[in-house]
Protein backbone atom coordinates (compact mmCIF):
# COMPACT_ATOMS: atom_id res chain seq x y z
CA UNK A 1 0.00 0.00 0.00
CA UNK A 2 2.78 2.44 0.94
CA UNK A 3 4.79 1.56 -2.18
CA UNK A 4 1.76 2.11 -4.42
CA UNK A 5 1.02 5.49 -2.87
CA UNK A 6 4.63 6.65 -3.19
CA UNK A 7 4.93 5.58 -6.82
CA UNK A 8 1.63 7.23 -7.81
CA UNK A 9 1.81 10.71 -9.34
CA UNK A 10 -0.79 13.40 -8.82
CA UNK A 11 -3.69 13.23 -11.33
CA UNK A 12 -2.84 9.61 -12.13
CA UNK A 13 -5.93 8.13 -10.46
CA UNK A 14 -9.29 9.03 -11.96
CA UNK A 15 -11.56 11.00 -9.62
CA UNK A 16 -8.73 11.27 -7.04
CA UNK A 17 -6.31 13.90 -8.38
CA UNK A 18 -4.60 14.60 -5.06
CA UNK A 19 -3.71 10.98 -4.16
CA UNK A 20 -0.02 10.18 -4.51
CA UNK A 21 3.38 11.63 -3.79
CA UNK A 22 4.60 13.14 -7.08
CA UNK A 23 8.18 11.99 -6.39
CA UNK A 24 8.85 11.45 -10.10
CA UNK A 25 8.49 15.19 -10.69
CA UNK A 26 11.63 15.74 -8.61
CA UNK A 27 13.72 13.77 -11.09
CA UNK A 28 13.56 16.60 -13.60
CA UNK A 29 14.98 19.21 -11.24
CA UNK A 30 18.57 19.87 -10.21
CA UNK A 31 19.39 17.84 -7.14
CA UNK A 32 20.07 20.14 -4.19
CA UNK A 33 19.53 19.85 -0.43
CA UNK A 34 16.19 21.64 -0.98
CA UNK A 35 15.13 18.88 -3.39
CA UNK A 36 15.99 16.31 -0.75
CA UNK A 37 13.85 18.16 1.81
CA UNK A 38 10.93 18.33 -0.62
CA UNK A 39 11.16 14.58 -1.26
CA UNK A 40 11.06 13.94 2.49
CA UNK A 41 8.07 16.27 2.81
CA UNK A 42 6.22 14.45 -0.01
CA UNK A 43 6.80 11.12 1.74
CA UNK A 44 5.68 12.54 5.09
CA UNK A 45 2.50 13.87 3.44
CA UNK A 46 1.65 10.41 2.11
CA UNK A 47 1.89 8.92 5.58
CA UNK A 48 -0.02 11.77 7.21
CA UNK A 49 -2.87 11.93 4.69
CA UNK A 50 -3.33 8.49 3.13
CA UNK A 51 -1.84 5.80 5.36
CA UNK A 52 -3.31 5.86 8.87
CA UNK A 53 -2.17 2.27 9.49
CA UNK A 54 1.53 3.20 9.50
CA UNK A 55 3.80 5.74 11.15
CA UNK A 56 6.91 7.15 9.44
CA UNK A 57 10.09 6.64 11.47
CA UNK A 58 12.92 7.79 9.17
CA UNK A 59 13.55 8.68 5.54
CA UNK A 60 16.94 8.56 3.81
CA UNK A 61 17.14 10.13 0.34
CA UNK A 62 20.08 10.05 -2.06
CA UNK A 63 20.50 10.80 -5.74
CA UNK A 64 22.44 8.62 -8.16
CA UNK A 65 23.90 10.77 -10.92
CA UNK A 66 25.00 7.74 -12.91
CA UNK A 67 21.49 6.24 -13.05
CA UNK A 68 19.69 9.60 -12.80
CA UNK A 69 17.57 8.04 -10.07
CA UNK A 70 16.27 8.96 -6.65
CA UNK A 71 17.09 6.33 -4.02
CA UNK A 72 14.73 6.32 -1.05
CA UNK A 73 15.08 4.19 2.06
CA UNK A 74 12.01 4.53 4.23
CA UNK A 75 11.59 3.11 7.71
CA UNK A 76 8.05 2.98 9.01
CA UNK A 77 6.23 1.19 11.76
CA UNK A 78 2.87 -0.42 11.38
CA UNK A 79 0.51 0.67 14.15
CA UNK A 80 0.54 -1.80 17.08
CA UNK A 81 3.89 -3.17 15.94
CA UNK A 82 7.24 -2.65 17.62
CA UNK A 83 9.77 -3.30 14.85
CA UNK A 84 10.07 -0.88 11.94
CA UNK A 85 9.71 -2.05 8.36
CA UNK A 86 12.22 -1.02 5.69
CA UNK A 87 11.12 -0.03 2.20
CA UNK A 88 13.69 0.63 -0.54
CA UNK A 89 12.54 2.54 -3.60
CA UNK A 90 14.48 3.50 -6.69
CA UNK A 91 12.64 6.09 -8.74
CA UNK A 92 14.04 6.44 -12.25
CA UNK A 93 13.18 8.52 -15.26
CA UNK A 94 11.21 6.71 -17.92
CA UNK A 95 12.46 7.39 -21.42
């Protein structure tokens, strides 16, 4: 569920234009510390607005210039669970 929400762009779902994270839009901008903060904010928004069953613990964002990809490591905890779950995402440009 979390992976699907993070990989969904805005206006991708019919009748639900605000569902998603729009992380792919960040691939077409210059990578700066501000871009990294925006990516973390997008991920936090997904957890706050669309996933009440999980709580975000930590987000690690890096950019691979060779692959032109955004590497996201997300640690979250499912409600009523003690151990965090790790989710690794690689978001690449589609050509």
